[in-house]
C-alpha atoms as a PDB file:
ATOM      1  CA  UNK A   1       0.000   0.000   0.000  1.00  0.00           C
ATOM      2  CA  UNK A   2       2.888   2.354   0.754  1.00  0.00           C
ATOM      3  CA  UNK A   3       4.031   2.149  -2.866  1.00  0.00           C
ATOM      4  CA  UNK A   4       0.578   3.168  -4.070  1.00  0.00           C
ATOM      5  CA  UNK A   5       0.431   6.144  -1.717  1.00  0.00           C
ATOM      6  CA  UNK A   6       4.113   7.079  -1.918  1.00  0.00           C
ATOM      7  CA  UNK A   7       4.882   6.248   1.718  1.00  0.00           C
ATOM      8  CA  UNK A   8       6.921   3.050   1.273  1.00  0.00           C
ATOM      9  CA  UNK A   9       9.766   2.743   3.753  1.00  0.00           C
ATOM     10  CA  UNK A  10      10.611  -0.967   3.887  1.00  0.00           C
ATOM     11  CA  UNK A  11      12.302  -1.644   0.542  1.00  0.00           C
ATOM     12  CA  UNK A  12      13.622   0.607  -2.191  1.00  0.00           C
ATOM     13  CA  UNK A  13      15.389   3.920  -2.474  1.00  0.00           C
ATOM     14  CA  UNK A  14      14.052   7.432  -2.726  1.00  0.00           C
ATOM     15  CA  UNK A  15      11.932   6.614  -5.770  1.00  0.00           C
ATOM     16  CA  UNK A  16       9.752   4.231  -3.725  1.00  0.00           C
ATOM     17  CA  UNK A  17       8.550   7.095  -1.541  1.00  0.00           C
ATOM     18  CA  UNK A  18       7.552   9.456  -4.337  1.00  0.00           C
ATOM     19  CA  UNK A  19       4.272   7.828  -5.369  1.00  0.00           C
ATOM     20  CA  UNK A  20       5.439   8.130  -8.993  1.00  0.00           C
ATOM     21  CA  UNK A  21       6.568   4.517  -9.441  1.00  0.00           C
ATOM     22  CA  UNK A  22       4.099   2.003 -10.872  1.00  0.00           C
ATOM     23  CA  UNK A  23       3.848  -0.757  -8.243  1.00  0.00           C
ATOM     24  CA  UNK A  24       3.669  -4.474  -8.930  1.00  0.00           C
ATOM     25  CA  UNK A  25       6.755  -6.429  -7.902  1.00  0.00           C
ATOM     26  CA  UNK A  26       5.304  -9.878  -8.691  1.00  0.00           C
ATOM     27  CA  UNK A  27       4.390  -9.694 -12.392  1.00  0.00           C
ATOM     28  CA  UNK A  28       3.922 -12.315 -15.064  1.00  0.00           C
ATOM     29  CA  UNK A  29       2.817 -12.029 -18.647  1.00  0.00           C
ATOM     30  CA  UNK A  30       3.636 -12.507 -22.302  1.00  0.00           C
ATOM     31  CA  UNK A  31       6.544 -10.892 -24.136  1.00  0.00           C
ATOM     32  CA  UNK A  32       5.080  -8.569 -26.792  1.00  0.00           C
ATOM     33  CA  UNK A  33       8.120  -6.623 -27.977  1.00  0.00           C
ATOM     34  CA  UNK A  34      11.933  -6.821 -27.824  1.00  0.00           C
ATOM     35  CA  UNK A  35      14.506  -4.077 -27.618  1.00  0.00           C
ATOM     36  CA  UNK A  36      17.435  -3.931 -30.048  1.00  0.00           C
ATOM     37  CA  UNK A  37      19.987  -6.712 -29.693  1.00  0.00           C
ATOM     38  CA  UNK A  38      17.911  -8.787 -27.269  1.00  0.00           C
ATOM     39  CA  UNK A  39      18.708 -12.510 -27.306  1.00  0.00           C
ATOM     40  CA  UNK A  40      17.388 -15.457 -25.347  1.00  0.00           C
ATOM     41  CA  UNK A  41      13.795 -14.193 -25.186  1.00  0.00           C
ATOM     42  CA  UNK A  42      11.227 -14.217 -27.997  1.00  0.00           C
ATOM     43  CA  UNK A  43       7.933 -12.493 -28.625  1.00  0.00           C
ATOM     44  CA  UNK A  44       5.177 -14.743 -27.317  1.00  0.00           C
ATOM     45  CA  UNK A  45       7.249 -16.221 -24.486  1.00  0.00           C
ATOM     46  CA  UNK A  46       5.410 -16.624 -21.182  1.00  0.00           C
ATOM     47  CA  UNK A  47       7.573 -15.155 -18.416  1.00  0.00           C
ATOM     48  CA  UNK A  48       7.534 -13.973 -14.822  1.00  0.00           C
ATOM     49  CA  UNK A  49       9.529 -10.988 -13.610  1.00  0.00           C
ATOM     50  CA  UNK A  50      12.545 -11.466 -11.330  1.00  0.00           C
ATOM     51  CA  UNK A  51      12.287  -8.695  -8.734  1.00  0.00           C
ATOM     52  CA  UNK A  52      15.876  -7.370  -8.248  1.00  0.00           C
ATOM     53  CA  UNK A  53      17.789  -5.553 -10.972  1.00  0.00           C
ATOM     54  CA  UNK A  54      21.537  -5.432 -10.304  1.00  0.00           C
ATOM     55  CA  UNK A  55      24.669  -4.091 -11.950  1.00  0.00           C
ATOM     56  CA  UNK A  56      25.403  -7.516 -13.454  1.00  0.00           C
ATOM     57  CA  UNK A  57      29.128  -7.333 -12.682  1.00  0.00           C
ATOM     58  CA  UNK A  58      29.706  -7.505  -8.921  1.00  0.00           C
ATOM     59  CA  UNK A  59      30.344 -10.718  -6.969  1.00  0.00           C
ATOM     60  CA  UNK A  60      26.712 -10.911  -5.871  1.00  0.00           C
ATOM     61  CA  UNK A  61      25.213 -10.395  -9.330  1.00  0.00           C
ATOM     62  CA  UNK A  62      27.516 -12.933 -10.949  1.00  0.00           C
ATOM     63  CA  UNK A  63      26.486 -15.444  -8.249  1.00  0.00           C
ATOM     64  CA  UNK A  64      22.816 -14.757  -9.020  1.00  0.00           C
ATOM     65  CA  UNK A  65      22.022 -12.799  -5.843  1.00  0.00           C
ATOM     66  CA  UNK A  66      21.058  -9.560  -7.565  1.00  0.00           C
ATOM     67  CA  UNK A  67      19.245  -8.293  -4.459  1.00  0.00           C
ATOM     68  CA  UNK A  68      22.596  -8.064  -2.651  1.00  0.00           C
ATOM     69  CA  UNK A  69      24.142  -5.770  -5.274  1.00  0.00           C
ATOM     70  CA  UNK A  70      25.103  -2.377  -3.853  1.00  0.00           C
ATOM     71  CA  UNK A  71      23.439  -0.761  -6.864  1.00  0.00           C
ATOM     72  CA  UNK A  72      20.332  -2.932  -6.966  1.00  0.00           C
ATOM     73  CA  UNK A  73      16.909  -1.612  -7.845  1.00  0.00           C
ATOM     74  CA  UNK A  74      13.622  -3.240  -6.989  1.00  0.00           C
ATOM     75  CA  UNK A  75      10.937  -3.886  -9.599  1.00  0.00           C
ATOM     76  CA  UNK A  76       7.789  -2.036  -8.600  1.00  0.00           C
ATOM     77  CA  UNK A  77       9.645  -0.063  -5.922  1.00  0.00           C
ATOM     78  CA  UNK A  78      12.488   1.793  -7.692  1.00  0.00           C
ATOM     79  CA  UNK A  79      11.470   1.113 -11.296  1.00  0.00           C
ATOM     80  CA  UNK A  80       7.993   0.724 -12.781  1.00  0.00           C
ATOM     81  CA  UNK A  81       6.446  -2.650 -12.031  1.00  0.00           C
ATOM     82  CA  UNK A  82       3.705  -4.903 -13.318  1.00  0.00           C
ATOM     83  CA  UNK A  83       0.506  -3.130 -12.229  1.00  0.00           C
ATOM     84  CA  UNK A  84       0.110  -1.921 -15.818  1.00  0.00           C
ATOM     85  CA  UNK A  85      -0.893  -3.232 -19.219  1.00  0.00           C
ATOM     86  CA  UNK A  86       2.778  -3.257 -20.271  1.00  0.00           C
ATOM     87  CA  UNK A  87       6.057  -3.121 -18.334  1.00  0.00           C
ATOM     88  CA  UNK A  88       9.740  -3.222 -19.216  1.00  0.00           C
ATOM     89  CA  UNK A  89      12.191  -5.871 -17.997  1.00  0.00           C
ATOM     90  CA  UNK A  90      15.878  -6.613 -18.600  1.00  0.00           C
ATOM     91  CA  UNK A  91      16.330  -9.891 -20.475  1.00  0.00           C
ATOM     92  CA  UNK A  92      17.959 -11.661 -17.523  1.00  0.00           C
ATOM     93  CA  UNK A  93      14.930 -10.809 -15.352  1.00  0.00           C
ATOM     94  CA  UNK A  94      12.553 -12.688 -17.669  1.00  0.00           C
ATOM     95  CA  UNK A  95      11.920 -16.035 -15.975  1.00  0.00           C
ATOM     96  CA  UNK A  96      10.428 -18.686 -18.297  1.00  0.00           C
ATOM     97  CA  UNK A  97       7.113 -20.140 -17.159  1.00  0.00           C
ATOM     98  CA  UNK A  98       6.420 -23.859 -17.649  1.00  0.00           C
ATOM     99  CA  UNK A  99       3.288 -24.577 -19.669  1.00  0.00           C
ATOM    100  CA  UNK A 100       1.671 -26.101 -16.570  1.00  0.00           C
ATOM    101  CA  UNK A 101       2.002 -22.841 -14.600  1.00  0.00           C
ATOM    102  CA  UNK A 102      -0.574 -20.060 -14.967  1.00  0.00           C
ATOM    103  CA  UNK A 103       0.375 -16.396 -15.003  1.00  0.00           C
ATOM    104  CA  UNK A 104      -1.108 -15.970 -11.518  1.00  0.00           C
ATOM    105  CA  UNK A 105       0.857 -18.904 -10.118  1.00  0.00           C
ATOM    106  CA  UNK A 106       4.000 -17.749 -11.914  1.00  0.00           C
ATOM    107  CA  UNK A 107       3.696 -14.289 -10.401  1.00  0.00           C
ATOM    108  CA  UNK A 108       3.368 -15.712  -6.884  1.00  0.00           C
ATOM    109  CA  UNK A 109       6.340 -18.007  -7.475  1.00  0.00           C
ATOM    110  CA  UNK A 110       8.614 -14.989  -8.012  1.00  0.00           C
ATOM    111  CA  UNK A 111       8.466 -13.891  -4.387  1.00  0.00           C
ATOM    112  CA  UNK A 112       6.456 -15.874  -1.871  1.00  0.00           C
ATOM    113  CA  UNK A 113       7.025 -19.392  -3.191  1.00  0.00           C
ATOM    114  CA  UNK A 114      10.555 -18.732  -4.461  1.00  0.00           C
ATOM    115  CA  UNK A 115      11.624 -17.047  -1.222  1.00  0.00           C
ATOM    116  CA  UNK A 116      10.249 -19.889   0.866  1.00  0.00           C
ATOM    117  CA  UNK A 117      11.794 -22.565  -1.329  1.00  0.00           C
ATOM    118  CA  UNK A 118      15.250 -21.005  -1.057  1.00  0.00           C
ATOM    119  CA  UNK A 119      14.921 -20.388   2.679  1.00  0.00           C
ATOM    120  CA  UNK A 120      13.613 -23.815   3.551  1.00  0.00           C
ATOM    121  CA  UNK A 121      16.194 -25.500   1.371  1.00  0.00           C
ATOM    122  CA  UNK A 122      18.881 -23.647   3.369  1.00  0.00           C
ATOM    123  CA  UNK A 123      17.225 -24.762   6.611  1.00  0.00           C
ATOM    124  CA  UNK A 124      17.268 -28.419   5.551  1.00  0.00           C
ATOM    125  CA  UNK A 125      13.489 -28.885   5.507  1.00  0.00           C
ATOM    126  CA  UNK A 126      12.578 -32.371   4.260  1.00  0.00           C
ATOM    127  CA  UNK A 127      10.517 -35.424   5.129  1.00  0.00           C
ATOM    128  CA  UNK A 128      10.695 -36.137   8.857  1.00  0.00           C
ATOM    129  CA  UNK A 129      11.191 -32.447   9.711  1.00  0.00           C
ATOM    130  CA  UNK A 130       8.669 -30.625  11.886  1.00  0.00           C
ATOM    131  CA  UNK A 131       8.282 -26.982  10.873  1.00  0.00           C
ATOM    132  CA  UNK A 132       6.584 -24.256  12.899  1.00  0.00           C
ATOM    133  CA  UNK A 133       5.338 -21.289  10.843  1.00  0.00           C
ATOM    134  CA  UNK A 134       4.539 -18.053  12.673  1.00  0.00           C
ATOM    135  CA  UNK A 135       2.348 -15.492  10.893  1.00  0.00           C
ATOM    136  CA  UNK A 136       0.035 -16.774   8.174  1.00  0.00           C
ATOM    137  CA  UNK A 137      -0.263 -13.840   5.839  1.00  0.00           C
ATOM    138  CA  UNK A 138       0.575 -14.551   2.184  1.00  0.00           C
ATOM    139  CA  UNK A 139       4.235 -15.369   2.931  1.00  0.00           C
ATOM    140  CA  UNK A 140       3.340 -17.599   5.873  1.00  0.00           C
ATOM    141  CA  UNK A 141       0.715 -19.430   3.837  1.00  0.00           C
ATOM    142  CA  UNK A 142       3.363 -20.021   1.167  1.00  0.00           C
ATOM    143  CA  UNK A 143       5.701 -21.310   3.879  1.00  0.00           C
ATOM    144  CA  UNK A 144       3.121 -23.912   4.884  1.00  0.00           C
ATOM    145  CA  UNK A 145       2.594 -25.019   1.285  1.00  0.00           C
ATOM    146  CA  UNK A 146       6.308 -25.250   0.482  1.00  0.00           C
ATOM    147  CA  UNK A 147       7.111 -27.136   3.694  1.00  0.00           C
ATOM    148  CA  UNK A 148       4.423 -29.662   2.850  1.00  0.00           C
ATOM    149  CA  UNK A 149       5.898 -29.904  -0.639  1.00  0.00           C
ATOM    150  CA  UNK A 150       9.210 -30.866   0.964  1.00  0.00           C
ATOM    151  CA  UNK A 151       7.369 -33.540   2.949  1.00  0.00           C
ATOM    152  CA  UNK A 152       7.579 -31.872   6.361  1.00  0.00           C
ATOM    153  CA  UNK A 153       5.039 -31.895   9.162  1.00  0.00           C
ATOM    154  CA  UNK A 154       3.764 -28.335   9.651  1.00  0.00           C
ATOM    155  CA  UNK A 155       2.434 -26.523  12.723  1.00  0.00           C
ATOM    156  CA  UNK A 156       0.932 -23.124  11.836  1.00  0.00           C
ATOM    157  CA  UNK A 157       0.514 -20.215  14.268  1.00  0.00           C
ATOM    158  CA  UNK A 158      -1.573 -17.051  13.892  1.00  0.00           C
ATOM    159  CA  UNK A 159      -4.165 -14.892  15.638  1.00  0.00           C
ATOM    160  CA  UNK A 160      -6.819 -15.118  12.896  1.00  0.00           C
ATOM    161  CA  UNK A 161      -9.010 -18.171  12.403  1.00  0.00           C
ATOM    162  CA  UNK A 162      -9.452 -17.481   8.676  1.00  0.00           C
ATOM    163  CA  UNK A 163      -5.702 -17.684   8.185  1.00  0.00           C
ATOM    164  CA  UNK A 164      -5.480 -20.839  10.265  1.00  0.00           C
ATOM    165  CA  UNK A 165      -8.214 -22.356   8.108  1.00  0.00           C
ATOM    166  CA  UNK A 166      -6.231 -21.650   4.928  1.00  0.00           C
ATOM    167  CA  UNK A 167      -3.104 -23.114   6.535  1.00  0.00           C
ATOM    168  CA  UNK A 168      -4.974 -26.337   7.274  1.00  0.00           C
ATOM    169  CA  UNK A 169      -6.244 -26.388   3.683  1.00  0.00           C
ATOM    170  CA  UNK A 170      -2.632 -26.039   2.484  1.00  0.00           C
ATOM    171  CA  UNK A 171      -1.476 -28.962   4.585  1.00  0.00           C
ATOM    172  CA  UNK A 172      -0.778 -27.814   8.154  1.00  0.00           C
ATOM    173  CA  UNK A 173      -1.262 -30.775  10.486  1.00  0.00           C
ATOM    174  CA  UNK A 174      -1.689 -28.621  13.595  1.00  0.00           C
ATOM    175  CA  UNK A 175      -2.922 -25.021  13.875  1.00  0.00           C
ATOM    176  CA  UNK A 176      -2.489 -22.789  16.927  1.00  0.00           C
ATOM    177  CA  UNK A 177      -4.424 -19.609  17.664  1.00  0.00           C
ATOM    178  CA  UNK A 178      -1.814 -17.641  19.613  1.00  0.00           C
ATOM    179  CA  UNK A 179      -4.509 -15.296  20.914  1.00  0.00           C
ATOM    180  CA  UNK A 180      -6.063 -18.200  22.791  1.00  0.00           C
ATOM    181  CA  UNK A 181      -3.047 -20.335  23.652  1.00  0.00           C
ATOM    182  CA  UNK A 182       0.660 -19.758  24.289  1.00  0.00           C
ATOM    183  CA  UNK A 183       2.350 -20.653  21.016  1.00  0.00           C
ATOM    184  CA  UNK A 184       5.606 -21.942  22.522  1.00  0.00           C
ATOM    185  CA  UNK A 185       3.763 -24.280  24.871  1.00  0.00           C
ATOM    186  CA  UNK A 186       1.526 -25.471  22.039  1.00  0.00           C
ATOM    187  CA  UNK A 187       4.473 -26.281  19.764  1.00  0.00           C
ATOM    188  CA  UNK A 188       6.289 -28.101  22.533  1.00  0.00           C
ATOM    189  CA  UNK A 189       3.146 -30.089  23.367  1.00  0.00           C
ATOM    190  CA  UNK A 190       2.824 -31.037  19.694  1.00  0.00           C
ATOM    191  CA  UNK A 191       6.416 -32.333  19.629  1.00  0.00           C
ATOM    192  CA  UNK A 192       6.490 -34.305  22.894  1.00  0.00           C
ATOM    193  CA  UNK A 193       8.295 -31.426  24.636  1.00  0.00           C
ATOM    194  CA  UNK A 194      11.240 -31.393  22.234  1.00  0.00           C
ATOM    195  CA  UNK A 195      10.403 -28.349  20.128  1.00  0.00           C
ATOM    196  CA  UNK A 196      10.114 -28.027  16.363  1.00  0.00           C
ATOM    197  CA  UNK A 197      13.115 -28.753  14.148  1.00  0.00           C
ATOM    198  CA  UNK A 198      12.656 -25.549  12.158  1.00  0.00           C
ATOM    199  CA  UNK A 199      10.790 -22.343  12.995  1.00  0.00           C
ATOM    200  CA  UNK A 200       9.997 -19.714  10.373  1.00  0.00           C
ATOM    201  CA  UNK A 201       8.680 -16.295  11.345  1.00  0.00           C
ATOM    202  CA  UNK A 202       6.807 -14.551   8.549  1.00  0.00           C
ATOM    203  CA  UNK A 203       5.125 -11.902  10.701  1.00  0.00           C
ATOM    204  CA  UNK A 204       8.017  -9.621  11.631  1.00  0.00           C
ATOM    205  CA  UNK A 205       6.354  -9.169  15.039  1.00  0.00           C
ATOM    206  CA  UNK A 206       8.807  -9.199  17.976  1.00  0.00           C
ATOM    207  CA  UNK A 207       6.603 -11.531  20.026  1.00  0.00           C
ATOM    208  CA  UNK A 208       6.495 -14.060  17.185  1.00  0.00           C
ATOM    209  CA  UNK A 209      10.225 -13.778  16.486  1.00  0.00           C
ATOM    210  CA  UNK A 210      10.942 -14.541  20.133  1.00  0.00           C
ATOM    211  CA  UNK A 211       8.435 -17.380  20.137  1.00  0.00           C
ATOM    212  CA  UNK A 212      10.162 -18.897  17.103  1.00  0.00           C
ATOM    213  CA  UNK A 213      13.507 -18.866  18.918  1.00  0.00           C
ATOM    214  CA  UNK A 214      11.945 -20.339  22.052  1.00  0.00           C
ATOM    215  CA  UNK A 215       9.871 -23.019  20.314  1.00  0.00           C
ATOM    216  CA  UNK A 216      12.660 -24.552  18.238  1.00  0.00           C
ATOM    217  CA  UNK A 217      14.621 -27.495  19.613  1.00  0.00           C
ATOM    218  CA  UNK A 218      18.271 -27.462  20.578  1.00  0.00           C
ATOM    219  CA  UNK A 219      20.464 -27.566  17.455  1.00  0.00           C
ATOM    220  CA  UNK A 220      17.452 -26.553  15.426  1.00  0.00           C
ATOM    221  CA  UNK A 221      17.121 -23.762  12.872  1.00  0.00           C
ATOM    222  CA  UNK A 222      15.172 -20.506  12.713  1.00  0.00           C
ATOM    223  CA  UNK A 223      14.534 -18.139   9.834  1.00  0.00           C
ATOM    224  CA  UNK A 224      13.303 -14.558  10.057  1.00  0.00           C
ATOM    225  CA  UNK A 225      11.395 -13.726   6.868  1.00  0.00           C
ATOM    226  CA  UNK A 226       8.922 -11.069   7.986  1.00  0.00           C
ATOM    227  CA  UNK A 227      10.276  -7.528   7.653  1.00  0.00           C
ATOM    228  CA  UNK A 228      11.062  -5.982  11.028  1.00  0.00           C
ATOM    229  CA  UNK A 229      12.659  -2.772  12.231  1.00  0.00           C
ATOM    230  CA  UNK A 230      13.637  -3.754  15.767  1.00  0.00           C
ATOM    231  CA  UNK A 231      13.398  -6.797  18.007  1.00  0.00           C
ATOM    232  CA  UNK A 232      14.877  -7.479  21.444  1.00  0.00           C
ATOM    233  CA  UNK A 233      16.133 -11.032  21.983  1.00  0.00           C
ATOM    234  CA  UNK A 234      18.328 -12.892  24.466  1.00  0.00           C
ATOM    235  CA  UNK A 235      21.134 -14.389  22.336  1.00  0.00           C
ATOM    236  CA  UNK A 236      22.710 -16.377  25.179  1.00  0.00           C
ATOM    237  CA  UNK A 237      19.599 -18.343  26.139  1.00  0.00           C
ATOM    238  CA  UNK A 238      17.784 -18.316  22.816  1.00  0.00           C
ATOM    239  CA  UNK A 239      20.615 -18.933  20.330  1.00  0.00           C
ATOM    240  CA  UNK A 240      24.095 -19.548  21.750  1.00  0.00           C
ATOM    241  CA  UNK A 241      23.261 -22.165  24.385  1.00  0.00           C
ATOM    242  CA  UNK A 242      20.856 -23.910  22.048  1.00  0.00           C
ATOM    243  CA  UNK A 243      23.425 -24.009  19.206  1.00  0.00           C
ATOM    244  CA  UNK A 244      20.817 -22.675  16.817  1.00  0.00           C
ATOM    245  CA  UNK A 245      21.265 -21.863  13.155  1.00  0.00           C
ATOM    246  CA  UNK A 246      19.548 -18.533  12.423  1.00  0.00           C
ATOM    247  CA  UNK A 247      18.959 -17.559   8.795  1.00  0.00           C
ATOM    248  CA  UNK A 248      17.685 -14.409   7.151  1.00  0.00           C
ATOM    249  CA  UNK A 249      15.130 -15.374   4.520  1.00  0.00           C
ATOM    250  CA  UNK A 250      15.039 -12.913   1.617  1.00  0.00           C
ATOM    251  CA  UNK A 251      14.302 -13.896  -1.963  1.00  0.00           C
ATOM    252  CA  UNK A 252      16.185 -16.441  -4.094  1.00  0.00           C
ATOM    253  CA  UNK A 253      19.166 -16.453  -6.475  1.00  0.00           C
ATOM    254  CA  UNK A 254      18.446 -16.142 -10.171  1.00  0.00           C
ATOM    255  CA  UNK A 255      19.862 -19.561 -11.019  1.00  0.00           C
ATOM    256  CA  UNK A 256      17.398 -21.348  -8.744  1.00  0.00           C
ATOM    257  CA  UNK A 257      14.300 -20.499 -10.796  1.00  0.00           C
ATOM    258  CA  UNK A 258      14.269 -23.701 -12.866  1.00  0.00           C
ATOM    259  CA  UNK A 259      14.560 -25.742  -9.676  1.00  0.00           C
ATOM    260  CA  UNK A 260      11.687 -23.807  -8.091  1.00  0.00           C
ATOM    261  CA  UNK A 261       9.546 -24.329 -11.189  1.00  0.00           C
ATOM    262  CA  UNK A 262      10.183 -28.085 -11.161  1.00  0.00           C
ATOM    263  CA  UNK A 263       9.365 -28.231  -7.455  1.00  0.00           C
ATOM    264  CA  UNK A 264       5.993 -26.550  -8.027  1.00  0.00           C
ATOM    265  CA  UNK A 265       5.085 -28.659 -11.064  1.00  0.00           C
ATOM    266  CA  UNK A 266       6.355 -32.008  -9.776  1.00  0.00           C
ATOM    267  CA  UNK A 267       4.611 -31.601  -6.426  1.00  0.00           C
ATOM    268  CA  UNK A 268       1.487 -30.069  -7.972  1.00  0.00           C
ATOM    269  CA  UNK A 269       1.547 -27.251  -5.441  1.00  0.00           C
ATOM    270  CA  UNK A 270      -1.792 -25.367  -5.370  1.00  0.00           C
ATOM    271  CA  UNK A 271      -0.129 -21.962  -5.705  1.00  0.00           C
ATOM    272  CA  UNK A 272      -3.279 -20.186  -6.828  1.00  0.00           C
ATOM    273  CA  UNK A 273      -4.961 -21.179  -3.549  1.00  0.00           C
ATOM    274  CA  UNK A 274      -2.813 -18.472  -1.929  1.00  0.00           C
ATOM    275  CA  UNK A 275      -4.901 -15.831  -3.735  1.00  0.00           C
ATOM    276  CA  UNK A 276      -7.897 -14.533  -1.798  1.00  0.00           C
ATOM    277  CA  UNK A 277      -8.993 -11.690  -4.120  1.00  0.00           C
ATOM    278  CA  UNK A 278      -8.691 -10.860  -7.825  1.00  0.00           C
ATOM    279  CA  UNK A 279      -9.218  -7.420  -9.291  1.00  0.00           C
ATOM    280  CA  UNK A 280      -9.218  -5.815 -12.721  1.00  0.00           C
ATOM    281  CA  UNK A 281      -6.636  -3.057 -13.118  1.00  0.00           C
ATOM    282  CA  UNK A 282      -9.460  -0.521 -13.498  1.00  0.00           C
ATOM    283  CA  UNK A 283     -10.443  -1.341  -9.912  1.00  0.00           C
ATOM    284  CA  UNK A 284      -7.011  -0.508  -8.476  1.00  0.00           C
ATOM    285  CA  UNK A 285      -8.323   2.165  -6.075  1.00  0.00           C
ATOM    286  CA  UNK A 286     -10.791  -0.312  -4.558  1.00  0.00           C
ATOM    287  CA  UNK A 287      -8.145  -3.053  -4.468  1.00  0.00           C
ATOM    288  CA  UNK A 288      -5.667  -0.941  -2.526  1.00  0.00           C
ATOM    289  CA  UNK A 289      -8.408   0.363  -0.218  1.00  0.00           C
ATOM    290  CA  UNK A 290      -9.470  -3.200   0.605  1.00  0.00           C
ATOM    291  CA  UNK A 291      -5.873  -4.269   1.160  1.00  0.00           C
ATOM    292  CA  UNK A 292      -5.188  -1.267   3.407  1.00  0.00           C
ATOM    293  CA  UNK A 293      -8.269  -2.119   5.481  1.00  0.00           C
ATOM    294  CA  UNK A 294      -7.101  -5.747   5.804  1.00  0.00           C
ATOM    295  CA  UNK A 295     -10.098  -7.020   3.862  1.00  0.00           C
ATOM    296  CA  UNK A 296      -7.823  -9.111   1.638  1.00  0.00           C
ATOM    297  CA  UNK A 297      -4.847 -11.387   2.086  1.00  0.00           C
ATOM    298  CA  UNK A 298      -3.079 -12.027  -1.249  1.00  0.00           C
ATOM    299  CA  UNK A 299      -4.779  -9.933  -3.927  1.00  0.00           C
ATOM    300  CA  UNK A 300      -3.785  -9.920  -7.599  1.00  0.00           C
ATOM    301  CA  UNK A 301      -4.643  -7.939 -10.704  1.00  0.00           C
ATOM    302  CA  UNK A 302      -5.657 -10.098 -13.642  1.00  0.00           C
ATOM    303  CA  UNK A 303      -6.305  -9.384 -17.317  1.00  0.00           C
ATOM    304  CA  UNK A 304      -8.882 -11.141 -19.467  1.00  0.00           C
END
């Protein structure tokens, strides 16, 4: 919403706060025109847009982590994004969509699903792993779906029953309403007192970040994915003396896209189930109003 109003302060440079940038950092569509000298992409190709645009030369860009480039720009934050009939992308940011993947699913794979895949892969999520997910907004819902795709047992935590219902639909074995029950106690009870193997916070809320650290077992792993300005923790008791691995979860390297696509297709992940509302572009004012009033979870613009 901050991008639409010109008050964005989480991601992006000065352009993101002007209100003059077209938002839409998770786009997908069909290539309709090529610039001079473009190779590797053809008119008619179905593609999704990779969010970060880097210099292409630094150590991070050449490794595929364009979002770590000192000069990086963010699609839909610093440069015009996909909430438009047409948008411009560098060739390397055009991610090919498998025929089995819709434009809506492809768009969601460029951030939520891709970010969770990369993060959970780093955390070692697999069959036999118990994963606790805190905060079941769009990113948390994707975390549940991806963890189930890896074969893990999932325990989902949130304050809202509607979100807990979606988490159960996406494969969560246990759901915990943290407004009615202490989340740490609930996760320990669900794991015979041991704690979850992996905890992922997607809320960015200090209370949930601390609960994630407290609910994970000794020698377990925690990832902070939800954006957060400030959190107070106790490193000695919560990390050091538990020998925890703590990972920052933020997007995925460019070279991992094909792997992510195969994961979605092979496991038949119901990516479109993450969408709660669809709007036409002409209804943008209503869409952003509804989002700002928390009447939607994951909303998308679609074209007929």
